[in-house]
Amino acid sequence: MIFVLFRHATRVRGDMATDEYLELSQPLSAAGEEEARQQGEELLRRGLKPTATFTSRFAHARQTAELLCTTARLEAPTIIELCTLTPHYQGPREWRGE
């Protein structure tokens, strides 16, 4: 089993005062999209074909994984969002209880 770790690519930044609350839905910036494609090209160059990709629940993390998998030409990639990889996110309201 081989693990390859990537940090999400650069995302759109909002107002620093409210950024923590908006972070969940902020997409990649144009530079971030290019970074994700470059990482996918690196996977392809090295012949690495992950069978699963784990991301946080943030939009930019999922978008990074999708671009990386598409660029690396992975067939039917499995992208799994995990609350445990999501900073400051406690999961859906129904998981948190009272």
Protein backbone atom coordinates (compact mmCIF):
# COMPACT_ATOMS: atom_id res chain seq x y z
CA MET A 1 0.00 0.00 0.00
CA ILE A 2 1.32 3.43 -0.96
CA PHE A 3 0.14 6.71 0.56
CA VAL A 4 0.62 10.01 -1.24
CA LEU A 5 -0.14 13.16 0.73
CA PHE A 6 -1.10 16.48 -0.84
CA ARG A 7 -2.23 19.67 0.75
CA HIS A 8 -5.14 21.31 -1.02
CA ALA A 9 -4.25 23.88 -3.64
CA THR A 10 -4.61 27.65 -3.16
CA ARG A 11 -8.18 28.75 -2.54
CA VAL A 12 -10.05 31.98 -2.97
CA ARG A 13 -9.56 34.13 0.14
CA GLY A 14 -12.29 36.21 1.68
CA ASP A 15 -12.38 38.79 4.43
CA MET A 16 -10.05 37.62 7.20
CA ALA A 17 -12.65 38.52 9.86
CA THR A 18 -15.23 36.11 8.41
CA ASP A 19 -12.95 33.73 6.49
CA GLU A 20 -13.25 30.95 9.08
CA TYR A 21 -17.01 30.83 8.57
CA LEU A 22 -16.87 30.97 4.77
CA GLU A 23 -13.97 28.58 4.32
CA LEU A 24 -16.20 25.53 3.88
CA SER A 25 -17.57 26.80 0.57
CA GLN A 26 -14.64 28.73 -0.90
CA PRO A 27 -13.41 27.33 -4.24
CA LEU A 28 -9.90 27.12 -5.62
CA SER A 29 -8.38 30.22 -7.12
CA ALA A 30 -7.15 30.14 -10.73
CA ALA A 31 -3.63 29.57 -9.37
CA GLY A 32 -4.96 26.74 -7.19
CA GLU A 33 -6.57 25.03 -10.18
CA GLU A 34 -3.21 25.10 -11.96
CA GLU A 35 -1.43 23.75 -8.84
CA ALA A 36 -3.86 20.81 -8.67
CA ARG A 37 -3.34 20.02 -12.35
CA GLN A 38 0.44 20.11 -11.87
CA GLN A 39 0.17 17.63 -9.00
CA GLY A 40 -2.00 15.37 -11.16
CA GLU A 41 0.63 15.54 -13.90
CA GLU A 42 3.26 14.55 -11.33
CA LEU A 43 1.21 11.49 -10.32
CA LEU A 44 0.88 10.58 -13.99
CA ARG A 45 4.62 11.10 -14.60
CA ARG A 46 5.49 8.81 -11.69
CA GLY A 47 2.94 6.17 -12.71
CA LEU A 48 1.05 6.46 -9.42
CA LYS A 49 -2.65 5.55 -9.60
CA PRO A 50 -4.35 6.01 -6.23
CA THR A 51 -7.49 3.94 -5.71
CA ALA A 52 -8.94 6.36 -3.17
CA THR A 53 -8.56 10.02 -2.36
CA PHE A 54 -9.49 11.41 1.07
CA THR A 55 -10.29 15.10 1.48
CA SER A 56 -11.73 17.46 4.02
CA ARG A 57 -15.32 18.69 3.62
CA PHE A 58 -14.08 22.01 2.22
CA ALA A 59 -15.02 22.79 -1.39
CA HIS A 60 -11.45 23.68 -2.33
CA ALA A 61 -10.13 20.35 -1.01
CA ARG A 62 -12.72 18.38 -2.98
CA GLN A 63 -12.01 20.47 -6.07
CA THR A 64 -8.27 19.81 -5.67
CA ALA A 65 -8.93 16.05 -5.54
CA GLU A 66 -11.21 16.15 -8.57
CA LEU A 67 -8.70 18.08 -10.71
CA LEU A 68 -5.82 15.92 -9.52
CA CYS A 69 -7.70 12.71 -10.39
CA THR A 70 -8.85 14.00 -13.78
CA THR A 71 -5.38 15.19 -14.74
CA ALA A 72 -3.79 11.92 -13.56
CA ARG A 73 -6.33 10.06 -15.74
CA LEU A 74 -7.55 7.92 -12.87
CA GLU A 75 -10.39 5.62 -13.86
CA ALA A 76 -13.44 5.91 -11.59
CA PRO A 77 -11.56 7.62 -8.76
CA THR A 78 -13.06 7.33 -5.30
CA ILE A 79 -13.11 10.68 -3.50
CA ILE A 80 -14.12 10.43 0.14
CA GLU A 81 -14.81 13.50 2.29
CA LEU A 82 -13.91 13.09 5.96
CA CYS A 83 -14.92 15.35 8.83
CA THR A 84 -11.72 14.33 10.61
CA LEU A 85 -9.68 16.05 7.89
CA THR A 86 -11.76 19.23 8.12
CA PRO A 87 -10.39 21.89 10.49
CA HIS A 88 -12.97 23.56 12.73
CA TYR A 89 -15.76 21.42 11.26
CA GLN A 90 -17.73 19.23 13.62
CA GLY A 91 -19.82 17.47 11.03
CA PRO A 92 -23.47 17.80 10.13
CA ARG A 93 -25.69 19.26 12.85
CA GLU A 94 -27.46 15.91 13.39
CA TRP A 95 -24.10 14.30 14.34
CA ARG A 96 -23.40 16.86 17.07
CA GLY A 97 -26.37 16.15 19.31
CA GLU A 98 -27.68 18.69 21.76
